[in-house]
PDB file of N, CA and C in Angstrom:
ATOM      1  N   MET A   1     200.264  30.590  73.103  1.00  0.00           N
ATOM      2  CA  MET A   1     199.516  29.409  72.328  1.00  0.00           C
ATOM      3  C   MET A   1     199.199  28.062  72.937  1.00  0.00           C
ATOM      4  N   LYS A   2     199.899  27.738  73.929  1.00  0.00           N
ATOM      5  CA  LYS A   2     199.952  26.559  74.357  1.00  0.00           C
ATOM      6  C   LYS A   2     198.481  26.320  75.308  1.00  0.00           C
ATOM      7  N   ILE A   3     198.195  27.541  75.863  1.00  0.00           N
ATOM      8  CA  ILE A   3     197.013  27.329  76.735  1.00  0.00           C
ATOM      9  C   ILE A   3     195.863  27.369  75.934  1.00  0.00           C
ATOM     10  N   PHE A   4     195.700  27.781  74.626  1.00  0.00           N
ATOM     11  CA  PHE A   4     194.967  27.750  73.606  1.00  0.00           C
ATOM     12  C   PHE A   4     194.532  26.188  73.080  1.00  0.00           C
ATOM     13  N   GLU A   5     195.584  25.710  72.871  1.00  0.00           N
ATOM     14  CA  GLU A   5     195.630  24.158  72.398  1.00  0.00           C
ATOM     15  C   GLU A   5     195.046  23.457  73.425  1.00  0.00           C
ATOM     16  N   ARG A   6     195.477  23.544  74.822  1.00  0.00           N
ATOM     17  CA  ARG A   6     195.010  22.936  75.917  1.00  0.00           C
ATOM     18  C   ARG A   6     193.317  23.051  76.180  1.00  0.00           C
ATOM     19  N   MET A   7     192.856  24.301  75.791  1.00  0.00           N
ATOM     20  CA  MET A   7     191.402  24.734  75.766  1.00  0.00           C
ATOM     21  C   MET A   7     190.877  23.750  74.989  1.00  0.00           C
ATOM     22  N   VAL A   8     191.147  23.829  73.757  1.00  0.00           N
ATOM     23  CA  VAL A   8     190.805  23.216  72.578  1.00  0.00           C
ATOM     24  C   VAL A   8     190.798  21.751  72.953  1.00  0.00           C
ATOM     25  N   ASN A   9     191.574  21.068  73.356  1.00  0.00           N
ATOM     26  CA  ASN A   9     191.611  19.746  73.666  1.00  0.00           C
ATOM     27  C   ASN A   9     190.765  19.535  74.762  1.00  0.00           C
ATOM     28  N   PHE A  10     190.696  20.367  75.613  1.00  0.00           N
ATOM     29  CA  PHE A  10     189.823  19.966  76.853  1.00  0.00           C
ATOM     30  C   PHE A  10     188.272  19.753  76.308  1.00  0.00           C
ATOM     31  N   PHE A  11     187.855  20.938  75.368  1.00  0.00           N
ATOM     32  CA  PHE A  11     186.629  20.836  74.905  1.00  0.00           C
ATOM     33  C   PHE A  11     186.282  19.838  73.786  1.00  0.00           C
ATOM     34  N   LYS A  12     187.354  19.222  73.222  1.00  0.00           N
ATOM     35  CA  LYS A  12     187.157  18.055  72.498  1.00  0.00           C
ATOM     36  C   LYS A  12     186.884  16.814  73.404  1.00  0.00           C
ATOM     37  N   GLU A  13     187.684  17.008  74.501  1.00  0.00           N
ATOM     38  CA  GLU A  13     187.263  15.720  75.422  1.00  0.00           C
ATOM     39  C   GLU A  13     185.908  15.746  76.129  1.00  0.00           C
ATOM     40  N   VAL A  14     185.479  16.999  76.392  1.00  0.00           N
ATOM     41  CA  VAL A  14     184.096  17.293  76.837  1.00  0.00           C
ATOM     42  C   VAL A  14     183.181  16.880  75.776  1.00  0.00           C
ATOM     43  N   LYS A  15     183.179  17.113  74.843  1.00  0.00           N
ATOM     44  CA  LYS A  15     182.085  16.592  73.498  1.00  0.00           C
ATOM     45  C   LYS A  15     182.507  14.983  73.524  1.00  0.00           C
ATOM     46  N   ILE A  16     183.328  14.467  73.414  1.00  0.00           N
ATOM     47  CA  ILE A  16     183.499  12.888  73.615  1.00  0.00           C
ATOM     48  C   ILE A  16     182.773  12.524  74.725  1.00  0.00           C
ATOM     49  N   GLU A  17     183.000  13.027  76.054  1.00  0.00           N
ATOM     50  CA  GLU A  17     182.412  12.500  77.190  1.00  0.00           C
ATOM     51  C   GLU A  17     180.808  12.645  77.235  1.00  0.00           C
ATOM     52  N   MET A  18     180.483  13.906  76.653  1.00  0.00           N
ATOM     53  CA  MET A  18     178.953  14.176  76.718  1.00  0.00           C
ATOM     54  C   MET A  18     178.276  13.241  75.641  1.00  0.00           C
ATOM     55  N   THR A  19     178.942  12.769  74.731  1.00  0.00           N
ATOM     56  CA  THR A  19     178.243  11.339  74.218  1.00  0.00           C
ATOM     57  C   THR A  19     178.066  10.358  74.828  1.00  0.00           C
ATOM     58  N   LYS A  20     178.914  10.153  75.775  1.00  0.00           N
ATOM     59  CA  LYS A  20     178.883   8.748  76.570  1.00  0.00           C
ATOM     60  C   LYS A  20     177.681   8.843  77.576  1.00  0.00           C
ATOM     61  N   VAL A  21     177.171   9.787  77.897  1.00  0.00           N
ATOM     62  CA  VAL A  21     176.201  10.280  79.123  1.00  0.00           C
ATOM     63  C   VAL A  21     174.684   9.711  78.638  1.00  0.00           C
ATOM     64  N   SER A  22     174.321   9.159  79.698  1.00  0.00           N
ATOM     65  CA  SER A  22     172.908   8.309  79.400  1.00  0.00           C
ATOM     66  C   SER A  22     172.140   9.250  79.947  1.00  0.00           C
ATOM     67  N   TRP A  23     171.173  10.132  78.748  1.00  0.00           N
ATOM     68  CA  TRP A  23     170.267  11.109  79.313  1.00  0.00           C
ATOM     69  C   TRP A  23     168.664  10.613  79.621  1.00  0.00           C
ATOM     70  N   PRO A  24     168.212  11.010  80.560  1.00  0.00           N
ATOM     71  CA  PRO A  24     167.085  10.654  80.932  1.00  0.00           C
ATOM     72  C   PRO A  24     165.750  10.994  79.851  1.00  0.00           C
ATOM     73  N   THR A  25     164.843  10.220  79.732  1.00  0.00           N
ATOM     74  CA  THR A  25     163.812  10.603  78.914  1.00  0.00           C
ATOM     75  C   THR A  25     162.953  11.653  79.563  1.00  0.00           C
ATOM     76  N   ARG A  26     162.252  12.372  78.739  1.00  0.00           N
ATOM     77  CA  ARG A  26     161.335  13.466  79.229  1.00  0.00           C
ATOM     78  C   ARG A  26     160.255  12.698  80.266  1.00  0.00           C
ATOM     79  N   GLN A  27     159.849  11.632  80.109  1.00  0.00           N
ATOM     80  CA  GLN A  27     158.742  10.937  81.112  1.00  0.00           C
ATOM     81  C   GLN A  27     159.529  10.740  82.573  1.00  0.00           C
ATOM     82  N   GLU A  28     160.881  10.335  82.202  1.00  0.00           N
ATOM     83  CA  GLU A  28     161.683  10.164  83.621  1.00  0.00           C
ATOM     84  C   GLU A  28     161.803  11.395  84.415  1.00  0.00           C
ATOM     85  N   VAL A  29     162.212  12.603  83.623  1.00  0.00           N
ATOM     86  CA  VAL A  29     162.361  13.795  84.407  1.00  0.00           C
ATOM     87  C   VAL A  29     161.275  14.141  84.866  1.00  0.00           C
ATOM     88  N   TRP A  30     160.219  14.074  84.055  1.00  0.00           N
ATOM     89  CA  TRP A  30     158.584  14.523  84.519  1.00  0.00           C
ATOM     90  C   TRP A  30     158.540  13.729  86.001  1.00  0.00           C
ATOM     91  N   GLY A  31     158.715  12.353  85.924  1.00  0.00           N
ATOM     92  CA  GLY A  31     158.287  11.511  86.899  1.00  0.00           C
ATOM     93  C   GLY A  31     159.276  11.988  88.444  1.00  0.00           C
ATOM     94  N   ALA A  32     160.458  12.402  87.989  1.00  0.00           N
ATOM     95  CA  ALA A  32     161.424  12.645  89.217  1.00  0.00           C
ATOM     96  C   ALA A  32     160.832  14.093  89.798  1.00  0.00           C
ATOM     97  N   THR A  33     160.566  14.958  88.701  1.00  0.00           N
ATOM     98  CA  THR A  33     160.223  16.317  89.254  1.00  0.00           C
ATOM     99  C   THR A  33     158.748  16.093  90.009  1.00  0.00           C
ATOM    100  N   VAL A  34     157.844  15.348  89.639  1.00  0.00           N
ATOM    101  CA  VAL A  34     156.750  15.061  90.620  1.00  0.00           C
ATOM    102  C   VAL A  34     157.043  14.564  91.856  1.00  0.00           C
ATOM    103  N   VAL A  35     157.849  13.664  91.785  1.00  0.00           N
ATOM    104  CA  VAL A  35     157.989  13.108  93.278  1.00  0.00           C
ATOM    105  C   VAL A  35     159.028  13.996  94.449  1.00  0.00           C
ATOM    106  N   VAL A  36     159.789  14.960  93.603  1.00  0.00           N
ATOM    107  CA  VAL A  36     160.469  15.920  94.087  1.00  0.00           C
ATOM    108  C   VAL A  36     159.440  17.055  94.712  1.00  0.00           C
ATOM    109  N   ILE A  37     158.485  17.345  94.314  1.00  0.00           N
ATOM    110  CA  ILE A  37     157.713  18.334  94.525  1.00  0.00           C
ATOM    111  C   ILE A  37     156.883  17.765  95.306  1.00  0.00           C
ATOM    112  N   VAL A  38     156.180  16.684  95.294  1.00  0.00           N
ATOM    113  CA  VAL A  38     155.350  15.996  96.155  1.00  0.00           C
ATOM    114  C   VAL A  38     156.129  15.761  97.781  1.00  0.00           C
ATOM    115  N   ILE A  39     157.241  15.290  97.620  1.00  0.00           N
ATOM    116  CA  ILE A  39     157.943  15.046  98.819  1.00  0.00           C
ATOM    117  C   ILE A  39     158.431  16.348  99.386  1.00  0.00           C
ATOM    118  N   THR A  40     158.594  17.438  98.669  1.00  0.00           N
ATOM    119  CA  THR A  40     159.112  18.738  99.457  1.00  0.00           C
ATOM    120  C   THR A  40     157.786  19.164  99.843  1.00  0.00           C
ATOM    121  N   SER A  41     156.423  19.138  99.379  1.00  0.00           N
ATOM    122  CA  SER A  41     155.287  19.617 100.113  1.00  0.00           C
ATOM    123  C   SER A  41     154.847  18.833 101.262  1.00  0.00           C
ATOM    124  N   ILE A  42     155.261  17.559 101.292  1.00  0.00           N
ATOM    125  CA  ILE A  42     154.866  16.691 102.418  1.00  0.00           C
ATOM    126  C   ILE A  42     155.752  17.255 103.488  1.00  0.00           C
ATOM    127  N   LEU A  43     156.914  17.360 103.264  1.00  0.00           N
ATOM    128  CA  LEU A  43     157.969  17.676 104.198  1.00  0.00           C
ATOM    129  C   LEU A  43     157.779  19.208 104.779  1.00  0.00           C
ATOM    130  N   ALA A  44     157.390  20.106 104.060  1.00  0.00           N
ATOM    131  CA  ALA A  44     157.164  21.305 104.453  1.00  0.00           C
ATOM    132  C   ALA A  44     155.843  21.501 105.411  1.00  0.00           C
ATOM    133  N   LEU A  45     154.848  20.539 105.093  1.00  0.00           N
ATOM    134  CA  LEU A  45     153.727  20.309 105.832  1.00  0.00           C
ATOM    135  C   LEU A  45     153.936  20.005 107.106  1.00  0.00           C
ATOM    136  N   PHE A  46     154.897  18.820 107.275  1.00  0.00           N
ATOM    137  CA  PHE A  46     155.381  18.311 108.511  1.00  0.00           C
ATOM    138  C   PHE A  46     155.921  19.206 109.349  1.00  0.00           C
ATOM    139  N   ILE A  47     156.986  19.846 108.843  1.00  0.00           N
ATOM    140  CA  ILE A  47     157.907  20.957 109.338  1.00  0.00           C
ATOM    141  C   ILE A  47     156.840  21.959 110.110  1.00  0.00           C
ATOM    142  N   GLY A  48     155.943  22.685 109.154  1.00  0.00           N
ATOM    143  CA  GLY A  48     155.061  23.406 109.670  1.00  0.00           C
ATOM    144  C   GLY A  48     154.264  23.184 110.973  1.00  0.00           C
ATOM    145  N   ILE A  49     153.530  21.704 110.857  1.00  0.00           N
ATOM    146  CA  ILE A  49     152.949  21.348 111.805  1.00  0.00           C
ATOM    147  C   ILE A  49     153.612  21.330 113.270  1.00  0.00           C
ATOM    148  N   VAL A  50     154.902  20.694 112.873  1.00  0.00           N
ATOM    149  CA  VAL A  50     155.635  20.399 114.211  1.00  0.00           C
ATOM    150  C   VAL A  50     156.009  21.617 114.730  1.00  0.00           C
ATOM    151  N   ASP A  51     156.168  22.771 113.997  1.00  0.00           N
ATOM    152  CA  ASP A  51     156.740  24.064 114.333  1.00  0.00           C
ATOM    153  C   ASP A  51     155.508  24.914 115.118  1.00  0.00           C
ATOM    154  N   LEU A  52     154.263  24.639 114.603  1.00  0.00           N
ATOM    155  CA  LEU A  52     153.091  25.192 115.326  1.00  0.00           C
ATOM    156  C   LEU A  52     152.976  24.619 116.623  1.00  0.00           C
ATOM    157  N   ILE A  53     153.145  23.096 116.754  1.00  0.00           N
ATOM    158  CA  ILE A  53     152.980  22.274 118.148  1.00  0.00           C
ATOM    159  C   ILE A  53     153.954  23.002 119.046  1.00  0.00           C
ATOM    160  N   LEU A  54     155.274  22.993 118.735  1.00  0.00           N
ATOM    161  CA  LEU A  54     156.310  23.653 119.463  1.00  0.00           C
ATOM    162  C   LEU A  54     155.948  24.822 120.043  1.00  0.00           C
ATOM    163  N   SER A  55     155.614  25.743 119.020  1.00  0.00           N
ATOM    164  CA  SER A  55     155.110  27.038 119.484  1.00  0.00           C
ATOM    165  C   SER A  55     154.219  27.253 120.612  1.00  0.00           C
ATOM    166  N   LYS A  56     153.281  26.308 120.519  1.00  0.00           N
ATOM    167  CA  LYS A  56     152.111  26.410 121.449  1.00  0.00           C
ATOM    168  C   LYS A  56     152.681  25.925 122.574  1.00  0.00           C
ATOM    169  N   ILE A  57     153.333  24.792 122.489  1.00  0.00           N
ATOM    170  CA  ILE A  57     153.939  24.086 124.007  1.00  0.00           C
ATOM    171  C   ILE A  57     154.857  25.237 124.539  1.00  0.00           C
ATOM    172  N   LEU A  58     155.713  25.849 124.081  1.00  0.00           N
ATOM    173  CA  LEU A  58     156.528  26.768 124.508  1.00  0.00           C
ATOM    174  C   LEU A  58     155.818  28.156 125.141  1.00  0.00           C
ATOM    175  N   THR A  59     154.753  28.486 124.187  1.00  0.00           N
ATOM    176  CA  THR A  59     153.855  29.511 124.829  1.00  0.00           C
ATOM    177  C   THR A  59     153.404  29.372 126.013  1.00  0.00           C
ATOM    178  N   VAL A  60     152.764  27.842 126.352  1.00  0.00           N
ATOM    179  CA  VAL A  60     152.141  27.720 127.390  1.00  0.00           C
ATOM    180  C   VAL A  60     153.399  27.534 128.572  1.00  0.00           C
ATOM    181  N   ILE A  61     154.380  27.050 128.094  1.00  0.00           N
ATOM    182  CA  ILE A  61     155.475  26.631 129.288  1.00  0.00           C
ATOM    183  C   ILE A  61     156.005  27.909 129.752  1.00  0.00           C
ATOM    184  N   PHE A  62     156.345  29.118 128.867  1.00  0.00           N
ATOM    185  CA  PHE A  62     156.766  30.441 129.365  1.00  0.00           C
ATOM    186  C   PHE A  62     155.796  31.436 129.648  1.00  0.00           C
ATOM    187  N   ARG A  63     154.554  31.283 129.838  1.00  0.00           N
ATOM    188  CA  ARG A  63     153.319  32.207 130.435  1.00  0.00           C
ATOM    189  C   ARG A  63     153.828  32.570 131.701  1.00  0.00           C
TER     190      ARG A  63
END
């Protein structure tokens, strides 16, 4: 039964801590999501272009 009491105590403490969390607004979450998508797209495009250029260079070198 001691483990049950510890689990109950743990979840009580979690509930208390969750009330202290500063949750972002919907607008902040949306803005952060857009930033992540844009940066990921730019990075993917950059890596794709670099990969294409290096592939062409290596094709010319190893012909």
